[in-house]
Amino acid sequence: MTGHKRRLERFFDVRTRKTMILPMDHGVSEGLVSGLDDMSKLISSLTDTQVKGVVLHKGTAMEQSANLSVNQNLVIHLSAGTKHGLPSYGRALVCSIQEALRIGADAVAVHINIGNDLEDRMLSDLGLVVDEAHQLGVPVLAMIYARGGQIINELDPHLVAHCIRIGSELGADIIKVPYSGDKKIFNRAVKSVSTPVVIAGGPKQDDFESFLNMVDDSIECGAAGVSIGRNIFQQPDPVSAIDKLWKRIAVTG
């Protein structure tokens, strides 16, 4: 088994083969984000949870390394862009894989958006990151969304399916996409690739039970888990929310 495959195994529960990843990288794109004011407290609270990995930008990772449990994998997000940029869907690489490894990364993440005038550059970034990361034994989480001037509905089932296919064909080790809500097409897309697919949470939903039902549907359709941020860390009790979420993932799985 190659190095990146060995590291990838650490992200998945031995019994259920499911994963729960907690992204906390929103500050670069959005600025001040509710729930992320005290990163030290939040990261320290994850020690005894079922969170298998956390996604951070390099500066936060360096600051918070002492608070991260050795049982949780560190994913360094290599790409960034802000909501103020023109266009706001643009993402650029801001960290090298070598730097991520020096910080202690167990995996790296790349965010790309398709359906826009910067698509070619972001696809190129993903392809090059996968090549270099695998040479160094590092798995790649590809966050892929349909966003930009050519996109009317980001949750169009066929567009989400296309994002899944792109991640697989360009060699990502985990693919993160939104759940489209169309069980038939989502299931077909997930079954058509061997790469594990996890779903994004999107904006915080007011009804946590409805959110959990959405997660149930995605897992039933073949998703390997979740990569959810705001619907966890913006809850009044994030640790309790993590516990409830994991029970749904494990049972459904």
C-alpha atoms as a PDB file:
ATOM      1  CA  MET A   1       0.000   0.000   0.000  1.00  0.00           C
ATOM      2  CA  THR A   2       1.416   3.386  -1.012  1.00  0.00           C
ATOM      3  CA  GLY A   3       1.953   6.193   1.486  1.00  0.00           C
ATOM      4  CA  HIS A   4      -1.056   8.299   0.539  1.00  0.00           C
ATOM      5  CA  LYS A   5      -3.334   5.262   0.755  1.00  0.00           C
ATOM      6  CA  ARG A   6      -2.055   4.421   4.242  1.00  0.00           C
ATOM      7  CA  ARG A   7      -2.689   7.973   5.424  1.00  0.00           C
ATOM      8  CA  LEU A   8      -6.117   7.941   3.802  1.00  0.00           C
ATOM      9  CA  GLU A   9      -7.157   4.896   5.833  1.00  0.00           C
ATOM     10  CA  ARG A  10      -6.769   6.916   9.032  1.00  0.00           C
ATOM     11  CA  PHE A  11      -9.703   9.110   8.033  1.00  0.00           C
ATOM     12  CA  PHE A  12     -12.226   6.268   8.059  1.00  0.00           C
ATOM     13  CA  ASP A  13     -13.789   4.463  10.984  1.00  0.00           C
ATOM     14  CA  VAL A  14     -12.711   0.812  10.994  1.00  0.00           C
ATOM     15  CA  ARG A  15     -16.202  -0.532  11.661  1.00  0.00           C
ATOM     16  CA  THR A  16     -18.443   1.718   9.567  1.00  0.00           C
ATOM     17  CA  ARG A  17     -15.959   2.841   6.887  1.00  0.00           C
ATOM     18  CA  LYS A  18     -17.411   6.332   7.315  1.00  0.00           C
ATOM     19  CA  THR A  19     -15.729   9.630   8.081  1.00  0.00           C
ATOM     20  CA  MET A  20     -16.555  12.971   9.658  1.00  0.00           C
ATOM     21  CA  ILE A  21     -14.300  15.886   8.744  1.00  0.00           C
ATOM     22  CA  LEU A  22     -14.668  19.316  10.338  1.00  0.00           C
ATOM     23  CA  PRO A  23     -13.590  22.259   8.154  1.00  0.00           C
ATOM     24  CA  MET A  24     -12.671  25.392  10.093  1.00  0.00           C
ATOM     25  CA  ASP A  25     -11.035  27.282   7.245  1.00  0.00           C
ATOM     26  CA  HIS A  26     -13.841  29.798   6.662  1.00  0.00           C
ATOM     27  CA  GLY A  27     -11.985  32.831   7.987  1.00  0.00           C
ATOM     28  CA  VAL A  28      -9.975  33.403   4.815  1.00  0.00           C
ATOM     29  CA  SER A  29     -12.988  33.481   2.528  1.00  0.00           C
ATOM     30  CA  GLU A  30     -15.487  35.145   4.853  1.00  0.00           C
ATOM     31  CA  GLY A  31     -13.614  37.061   7.571  1.00  0.00           C
ATOM     32  CA  LEU A  32     -15.232  37.026  11.011  1.00  0.00           C
ATOM     33  CA  VAL A  33     -17.330  33.883  11.297  1.00  0.00           C
ATOM     34  CA  SER A  34     -19.598  33.069  14.209  1.00  0.00           C
ATOM     35  CA  GLY A  35     -18.350  30.022  16.063  1.00  0.00           C
ATOM     36  CA  LEU A  36     -14.694  30.500  15.149  1.00  0.00           C
ATOM     37  CA  ASP A  37     -13.809  33.320  17.555  1.00  0.00           C
ATOM     38  CA  ASP A  38     -12.037  30.983  19.992  1.00  0.00           C
ATOM     39  CA  MET A  39     -10.232  28.448  17.834  1.00  0.00           C
ATOM     40  CA  SER A  40      -8.195  27.070  20.741  1.00  0.00           C
ATOM     41  CA  LYS A  41     -11.293  26.192  22.742  1.00  0.00           C
ATOM     42  CA  LEU A  42     -13.077  24.708  19.745  1.00  0.00           C
ATOM     43  CA  ILE A  43     -10.164  22.540  18.620  1.00  0.00           C
ATOM     44  CA  SER A  44      -9.424  21.355  22.168  1.00  0.00           C
ATOM     45  CA  SER A  45     -13.064  20.315  22.572  1.00  0.00           C
ATOM     46  CA  LEU A  46     -12.750  17.826  19.705  1.00  0.00           C
ATOM     47  CA  THR A  47     -10.367  15.479  21.528  1.00  0.00           C
ATOM     48  CA  ASP A  48     -12.911  12.829  22.521  1.00  0.00           C
ATOM     49  CA  THR A  49     -15.235  13.157  19.524  1.00  0.00           C
ATOM     50  CA  GLN A  50     -15.592  11.079  16.365  1.00  0.00           C
ATOM     51  CA  VAL A  51     -14.137  13.838  14.178  1.00  0.00           C
ATOM     52  CA  LYS A  52     -11.580  12.094  11.976  1.00  0.00           C
ATOM     53  CA  GLY A  53      -9.948  15.195  10.546  1.00  0.00           C
ATOM     54  CA  VAL A  54      -9.960  18.983  10.697  1.00  0.00           C
ATOM     55  CA  VAL A  55      -9.347  21.359   7.787  1.00  0.00           C
ATOM     56  CA  LEU A  56      -7.303  24.455   8.586  1.00  0.00           C
ATOM     57  CA  HIS A  57      -5.257  27.035   6.728  1.00  0.00           C
ATOM     58  CA  LYS A  58      -1.546  26.959   7.432  1.00  0.00           C
ATOM     59  CA  GLY A  59      -1.344  29.882   9.856  1.00  0.00           C
ATOM     60  CA  THR A  60      -4.104  28.553  12.097  1.00  0.00           C
ATOM     61  CA  ALA A  61      -2.608  25.075  11.940  1.00  0.00           C
ATOM     62  CA  MET A  62       0.754  26.366  13.149  1.00  0.00           C
ATOM     63  CA  GLU A  63      -0.892  28.282  15.990  1.00  0.00           C
ATOM     64  CA  GLN A  64      -3.193  25.462  17.075  1.00  0.00           C
ATOM     65  CA  SER A  65      -1.006  22.384  16.625  1.00  0.00           C
ATOM     66  CA  ALA A  66      -0.683  21.897  20.393  1.00  0.00           C
ATOM     67  CA  ASN A  67      -4.478  21.804  20.788  1.00  0.00           C
ATOM     68  CA  LEU A  68      -5.066  19.192  18.094  1.00  0.00           C
ATOM     69  CA  SER A  69      -5.440  15.613  19.309  1.00  0.00           C
ATOM     70  CA  VAL A  70      -2.938  13.107  17.943  1.00  0.00           C
ATOM     71  CA  ASN A  71      -5.952  10.937  17.083  1.00  0.00           C
ATOM     72  CA  GLN A  72      -7.304  13.503  14.640  1.00  0.00           C
ATOM     73  CA  ASN A  73      -5.897  14.090  11.186  1.00  0.00           C
ATOM     74  CA  LEU A  74      -4.799  17.536  10.069  1.00  0.00           C
ATOM     75  CA  VAL A  75      -5.811  18.640   6.584  1.00  0.00           C
ATOM     76  CA  ILE A  76      -4.056  21.760   5.328  1.00  0.00           C
ATOM     77  CA  HIS A  77      -6.114  23.754   2.853  1.00  0.00           C
ATOM     78  CA  LEU A  78      -3.777  24.775   0.040  1.00  0.00           C
ATOM     79  CA  SER A  79      -6.107  27.146  -1.794  1.00  0.00           C
ATOM     80  CA  ALA A  80      -7.818  30.382  -0.860  1.00  0.00           C
ATOM     81  CA  GLY A  81      -9.977  33.223  -2.092  1.00  0.00           C
ATOM     82  CA  THR A  82     -12.198  35.838  -0.473  1.00  0.00           C
ATOM     83  CA  LYS A  83     -15.821  36.848  -0.908  1.00  0.00           C
ATOM     84  CA  HIS A  84     -14.548  40.298  -1.904  1.00  0.00           C
ATOM     85  CA  GLY A  85     -12.545  39.097  -4.895  1.00  0.00           C
ATOM     86  CA  LEU A  86     -13.442  39.675  -8.514  1.00  0.00           C
ATOM     87  CA  PRO A  87     -14.650  37.096  -9.191  1.00  0.00           C
ATOM     88  CA  SER A  88     -15.560  35.777  -5.750  1.00  0.00           C
ATOM     89  CA  TYR A  89     -15.411  32.185  -6.964  1.00  0.00           C
ATOM     90  CA  GLY A  90     -11.704  32.389  -7.807  1.00  0.00           C
ATOM     91  CA  ARG A  91      -9.324  30.196  -5.793  1.00  0.00           C
ATOM     92  CA  ALA A  92      -5.522  30.301  -5.848  1.00  0.00           C
ATOM     93  CA  LEU A  93      -2.876  28.089  -4.257  1.00  0.00           C
ATOM     94  CA  VAL A  94      -1.424  29.790  -1.168  1.00  0.00           C
ATOM     95  CA  CYS A  95       0.496  26.918   0.435  1.00  0.00           C
ATOM     96  CA  SER A  96       2.855  24.290  -0.931  1.00  0.00           C
ATOM     97  CA  ILE A  97       2.626  20.600  -0.094  1.00  0.00           C
ATOM     98  CA  GLN A  98       6.126  20.759   1.399  1.00  0.00           C
ATOM     99  CA  GLU A  99       5.053  23.538   3.765  1.00  0.00           C
ATOM    100  CA  ALA A 100       1.933  21.594   4.693  1.00  0.00           C
ATOM    101  CA  LEU A 101       4.077  18.594   5.578  1.00  0.00           C
ATOM    102  CA  ARG A 102       6.402  20.737   7.695  1.00  0.00           C
ATOM    103  CA  ILE A 103       3.352  21.890   9.661  1.00  0.00           C
ATOM    104  CA  GLY A 104       2.327  18.275  10.195  1.00  0.00           C
ATOM    105  CA  ALA A 105      -0.348  17.677   7.573  1.00  0.00           C
ATOM    106  CA  ASP A 106      -1.858  14.217   7.187  1.00  0.00           C
ATOM    107  CA  ALA A 107      -3.618  15.340   4.001  1.00  0.00           C
ATOM    108  CA  VAL A 108      -4.066  18.447   1.871  1.00  0.00           C
ATOM    109  CA  ALA A 109      -7.177  20.042   0.407  1.00  0.00           C
ATOM    110  CA  VAL A 110      -7.823  21.957  -2.798  1.00  0.00           C
ATOM    111  CA  HIS A 111     -11.000  23.921  -3.564  1.00  0.00           C
ATOM    112  CA  ILE A 112     -12.022  24.308  -7.195  1.00  0.00           C
ATOM    113  CA  ASN A 113     -15.125  25.775  -8.809  1.00  0.00           C
ATOM    114  CA  ILE A 114     -16.303  24.756 -12.268  1.00  0.00           C
ATOM    115  CA  GLY A 115     -18.503  26.595 -14.731  1.00  0.00           C
ATOM    116  CA  ASN A 116     -16.605  29.871 -14.822  1.00  0.00           C
ATOM    117  CA  ASP A 117     -13.804  31.698 -16.613  1.00  0.00           C
ATOM    118  CA  LEU A 118     -11.163  30.492 -14.120  1.00  0.00           C
ATOM    119  CA  GLU A 119     -12.094  26.832 -14.357  1.00  0.00           C
ATOM    120  CA  ASP A 120      -9.044  25.861 -16.432  1.00  0.00           C
ATOM    121  CA  ARG A 121      -6.600  27.258 -13.873  1.00  0.00           C
ATOM    122  CA  MET A 122      -8.313  25.621 -10.917  1.00  0.00           C
ATOM    123  CA  LEU A 123      -8.498  22.259 -12.699  1.00  0.00           C
ATOM    124  CA  SER A 124      -4.794  22.580 -13.468  1.00  0.00           C
ATOM    125  CA  ASP A 125      -4.083  23.328  -9.805  1.00  0.00           C
ATOM    126  CA  LEU A 126      -5.916  20.195  -8.720  1.00  0.00           C
ATOM    127  CA  GLY A 127      -4.117  18.009 -11.234  1.00  0.00           C
ATOM    128  CA  LEU A 128      -0.679  19.283 -10.249  1.00  0.00           C
ATOM    129  CA  VAL A 129      -1.401  19.043  -6.512  1.00  0.00           C
ATOM    130  CA  VAL A 130      -2.546  15.429  -6.857  1.00  0.00           C
ATOM    131  CA  ASP A 131       0.627  14.532  -8.768  1.00  0.00           C
ATOM    132  CA  GLU A 132       2.997  16.129  -6.269  1.00  0.00           C
ATOM    133  CA  ALA A 133       1.049  15.060  -3.174  1.00  0.00           C
ATOM    134  CA  HIS A 134       1.015  11.420  -4.210  1.00  0.00           C
ATOM    135  CA  GLN A 135       4.749  11.513  -4.895  1.00  0.00           C
ATOM    136  CA  LEU A 136       5.152  12.612  -1.268  1.00  0.00           C
ATOM    137  CA  GLY A 137       2.656  10.103   0.104  1.00  0.00           C
ATOM    138  CA  VAL A 138      -0.069  12.643   0.934  1.00  0.00           C
ATOM    139  CA  PRO A 139      -3.784  12.137   0.196  1.00  0.00           C
ATOM    140  CA  VAL A 140      -5.808  14.925  -1.412  1.00  0.00           C
ATOM    141  CA  LEU A 141      -9.268  16.147  -0.452  1.00  0.00           C
ATOM    142  CA  ALA A 142     -10.839  17.863  -3.470  1.00  0.00           C
ATOM    143  CA  MET A 143     -13.654  20.306  -2.677  1.00  0.00           C
ATOM    144  CA  ILE A 144     -15.513  20.737  -5.963  1.00  0.00           C
ATOM    145  CA  TYR A 145     -18.471  23.023  -6.604  1.00  0.00           C
ATOM    146  CA  ALA A 146     -20.335  24.359  -9.632  1.00  0.00           C
ATOM    147  CA  ARG A 147     -20.028  28.125  -9.136  1.00  0.00           C
ATOM    148  CA  GLY A 148     -19.611  30.992 -11.517  1.00  0.00           C
ATOM    149  CA  GLY A 149     -20.990  32.807 -14.514  1.00  0.00           C
ATOM    150  CA  GLN A 150     -22.189  29.695 -16.318  1.00  0.00           C
ATOM    151  CA  ILE A 151     -24.012  28.259 -13.309  1.00  0.00           C
ATOM    152  CA  ILE A 152     -27.683  28.888 -12.563  1.00  0.00           C
ATOM    153  CA  ASN A 153     -28.277  26.222  -9.909  1.00  0.00           C
ATOM    154  CA  GLU A 154     -25.293  25.019  -7.870  1.00  0.00           C
ATOM    155  CA  LEU A 155     -27.320  22.028  -6.666  1.00  0.00           C
ATOM    156  CA  ASP A 156     -28.318  20.849 -10.124  1.00  0.00           C
ATOM    157  CA  PRO A 157     -28.042  17.048  -9.737  1.00  0.00           C
ATOM    158  CA  HIS A 158     -26.170  16.625 -13.014  1.00  0.00           C
ATOM    159  CA  LEU A 159     -23.676  19.355 -12.086  1.00  0.00           C
ATOM    160  CA  VAL A 160     -23.020  17.768  -8.690  1.00  0.00           C
ATOM    161  CA  ALA A 161     -22.574  14.423 -10.435  1.00  0.00           C
ATOM    162  CA  HIS A 162     -20.109  16.073 -12.819  1.00  0.00           C
ATOM    163  CA  CYS A 163     -18.133  17.451  -9.863  1.00  0.00           C
ATOM    164  CA  ILE A 164     -17.893  13.932  -8.421  1.00  0.00           C
ATOM    165  CA  ARG A 165     -16.656  12.591 -11.724  1.00  0.00           C
ATOM    166  CA  ILE A 166     -14.043  15.324 -12.061  1.00  0.00           C
ATOM    167  CA  GLY A 167     -12.623  14.592  -8.628  1.00  0.00           C
ATOM    168  CA  SER A 168     -12.318  10.905  -9.399  1.00  0.00           C
ATOM    169  CA  GLU A 169     -10.848  11.293 -12.866  1.00  0.00           C
ATOM    170  CA  LEU A 170      -8.248  13.809 -11.686  1.00  0.00           C
ATOM    171  CA  GLY A 171      -7.061  11.486  -8.929  1.00  0.00           C
ATOM    172  CA  ALA A 172      -8.430  12.975  -5.695  1.00  0.00           C
ATOM    173  CA  ASP A 173      -8.557  10.637  -2.694  1.00  0.00           C
ATOM    174  CA  ILE A 174     -11.682  12.133  -1.107  1.00  0.00           C
ATOM    175  CA  ILE A 175     -14.232  14.223  -3.005  1.00  0.00           C
ATOM    176  CA  LYS A 176     -16.327  16.852  -1.235  1.00  0.00           C
ATOM    177  CA  VAL A 177     -19.478  18.100  -2.962  1.00  0.00           C
ATOM    178  CA  PRO A 178     -22.863  19.465  -1.886  1.00  0.00           C
ATOM    179  CA  TYR A 179     -25.723  16.988  -1.695  1.00  0.00           C
ATOM    180  CA  SER A 180     -28.037  17.663  -4.627  1.00  0.00           C
ATOM    181  CA  GLY A 181     -31.163  16.175  -3.066  1.00  0.00           C
ATOM    182  CA  ASP A 182     -31.754  13.907  -6.045  1.00  0.00           C
ATOM    183  CA  LYS A 183     -31.237  10.415  -4.614  1.00  0.00           C
ATOM    184  CA  LYS A 184     -31.225   8.579  -7.928  1.00  0.00           C
ATOM    185  CA  ILE A 185     -28.642  10.726  -9.716  1.00  0.00           C
ATOM    186  CA  PHE A 186     -26.471  11.212  -6.613  1.00  0.00           C
ATOM    187  CA  ASN A 187     -26.398   7.464  -5.991  1.00  0.00           C
ATOM    188  CA  ARG A 188     -25.527   6.778  -9.619  1.00  0.00           C
ATOM    189  CA  ALA A 189     -22.687   9.312  -9.510  1.00  0.00           C
ATOM    190  CA  VAL A 190     -21.255   7.914  -6.261  1.00  0.00           C
ATOM    191  CA  LYS A 191     -21.467   4.317  -7.499  1.00  0.00           C
ATOM    192  CA  SER A 192     -19.738   5.236 -10.755  1.00  0.00           C
ATOM    193  CA  VAL A 193     -16.462   6.100  -8.971  1.00  0.00           C
ATOM    194  CA  SER A 194     -14.245   4.265  -6.501  1.00  0.00           C
ATOM    195  CA  THR A 195     -13.256   7.472  -4.681  1.00  0.00           C
ATOM    196  CA  PRO A 196     -15.081   8.142  -1.391  1.00  0.00           C
ATOM    197  CA  VAL A 197     -17.503  11.074  -1.590  1.00  0.00           C
ATOM    198  CA  VAL A 198     -18.360  13.269   1.401  1.00  0.00           C
ATOM    199  CA  ILE A 199     -20.978  15.976   1.488  1.00  0.00           C
ATOM    200  CA  ALA A 200     -20.645  19.630   2.385  1.00  0.00           C
ATOM    201  CA  GLY A 201     -22.956  21.263   4.890  1.00  0.00           C
ATOM    202  CA  GLY A 202     -23.371  24.681   3.318  1.00  0.00           C
ATOM    203  CA  PRO A 203     -24.882  27.620   5.246  1.00  0.00           C
ATOM    204  CA  LYS A 204     -26.105  26.912   8.768  1.00  0.00           C
ATOM    205  CA  GLN A 205     -29.637  25.572   8.761  1.00  0.00           C
ATOM    206  CA  ASP A 206     -32.130  26.695  11.400  1.00  0.00           C
ATOM    207  CA  ASP A 207     -33.612  23.226  11.866  1.00  0.00           C
ATOM    208  CA  PHE A 208     -30.864  20.825  12.942  1.00  0.00           C
ATOM    209  CA  GLU A 209     -33.152  17.798  12.676  1.00  0.00           C
ATOM    210  CA  SER A 210     -33.911  18.611   9.026  1.00  0.00           C
ATOM    211  CA  PHE A 211     -30.192  18.975   8.462  1.00  0.00           C
ATOM    212  CA  LEU A 212     -29.614  15.517   9.973  1.00  0.00           C
ATOM    213  CA  ASN A 213     -32.315  14.091   7.705  1.00  0.00           C
ATOM    214  CA  MET A 214     -30.452  15.493   4.709  1.00  0.00           C
ATOM    215  CA  VAL A 215     -27.293  13.766   5.934  1.00  0.00           C
ATOM    216  CA  ASP A 216     -29.261  10.510   6.310  1.00  0.00           C
ATOM    217  CA  ASP A 217     -30.379  10.740   2.682  1.00  0.00           C
ATOM    218  CA  SER A 218     -26.854  11.333   1.407  1.00  0.00           C
ATOM    219  CA  ILE A 219     -25.423   8.392   3.351  1.00  0.00           C
ATOM    220  CA  GLU A 220     -28.206   6.130   2.090  1.00  0.00           C
ATOM    221  CA  CYS A 221     -27.203   7.194  -1.425  1.00  0.00           C
ATOM    222  CA  GLY A 222     -23.629   6.057  -0.868  1.00  0.00           C
ATOM    223  CA  ALA A 223     -21.810   9.038   0.614  1.00  0.00           C
ATOM    224  CA  ALA A 224     -18.830   7.986   2.735  1.00  0.00           C
ATOM    225  CA  GLY A 225     -19.427  10.686   5.316  1.00  0.00           C
ATOM    226  CA  VAL A 226     -19.490  14.432   5.757  1.00  0.00           C
ATOM    227  CA  SER A 227     -17.211  17.459   5.713  1.00  0.00           C
ATOM    228  CA  ILE A 228     -19.381  19.905   7.609  1.00  0.00           C
ATOM    229  CA  GLY A 229     -18.403  23.126   9.348  1.00  0.00           C
ATOM    230  CA  ARG A 230     -20.996  25.807  10.125  1.00  0.00           C
ATOM    231  CA  ASN A 231     -23.779  23.355  10.898  1.00  0.00           C
ATOM    232  CA  ILE A 232     -21.496  22.026  13.635  1.00  0.00           C
ATOM    233  CA  PHE A 233     -19.372  24.848  15.051  1.00  0.00           C
ATOM    234  CA  GLN A 234     -22.239  27.361  14.940  1.00  0.00           C
ATOM    235  CA  GLN A 235     -24.435  25.136  17.092  1.00  0.00           C
ATOM    236  CA  PRO A 236     -24.827  26.146  20.763  1.00  0.00           C
ATOM    237  CA  ASP A 237     -23.060  22.908  21.758  1.00  0.00           C
ATOM    238  CA  PRO A 238     -20.763  21.751  18.929  1.00  0.00           C
ATOM    239  CA  VAL A 239     -19.641  18.592  20.730  1.00  0.00           C
ATOM    240  CA  SER A 240     -23.234  17.478  21.231  1.00  0.00           C
ATOM    241  CA  ALA A 241     -23.973  18.248  17.577  1.00  0.00           C
ATOM    242  CA  ILE A 242     -20.971  16.145  16.518  1.00  0.00           C
ATOM    243  CA  ASP A 243     -22.210  13.242  18.628  1.00  0.00           C
ATOM    244  CA  LYS A 244     -25.699  13.405  17.128  1.00  0.00           C
ATOM    245  CA  LEU A 245     -24.311  13.674  13.618  1.00  0.00           C
ATOM    246  CA  TRP A 246     -21.944  10.740  14.028  1.00  0.00           C
ATOM    247  CA  LYS A 247     -24.712   8.507  15.408  1.00  0.00           C
ATOM    248  CA  ARG A 248     -26.759   9.213  12.298  1.00  0.00           C
ATOM    249  CA  ILE A 249     -23.825   8.551   9.979  1.00  0.00           C
ATOM    250  CA  ALA A 250     -22.844   5.325  11.739  1.00  0.00           C
ATOM    251  CA  VAL A 251     -26.390   3.947  11.937  1.00  0.00           C
ATOM    252  CA  THR A 252     -27.275   4.904   8.379  1.00  0.00           C
ATOM    253  CA  GLY A 253     -23.966   3.540   7.155  1.00  0.00           C
END
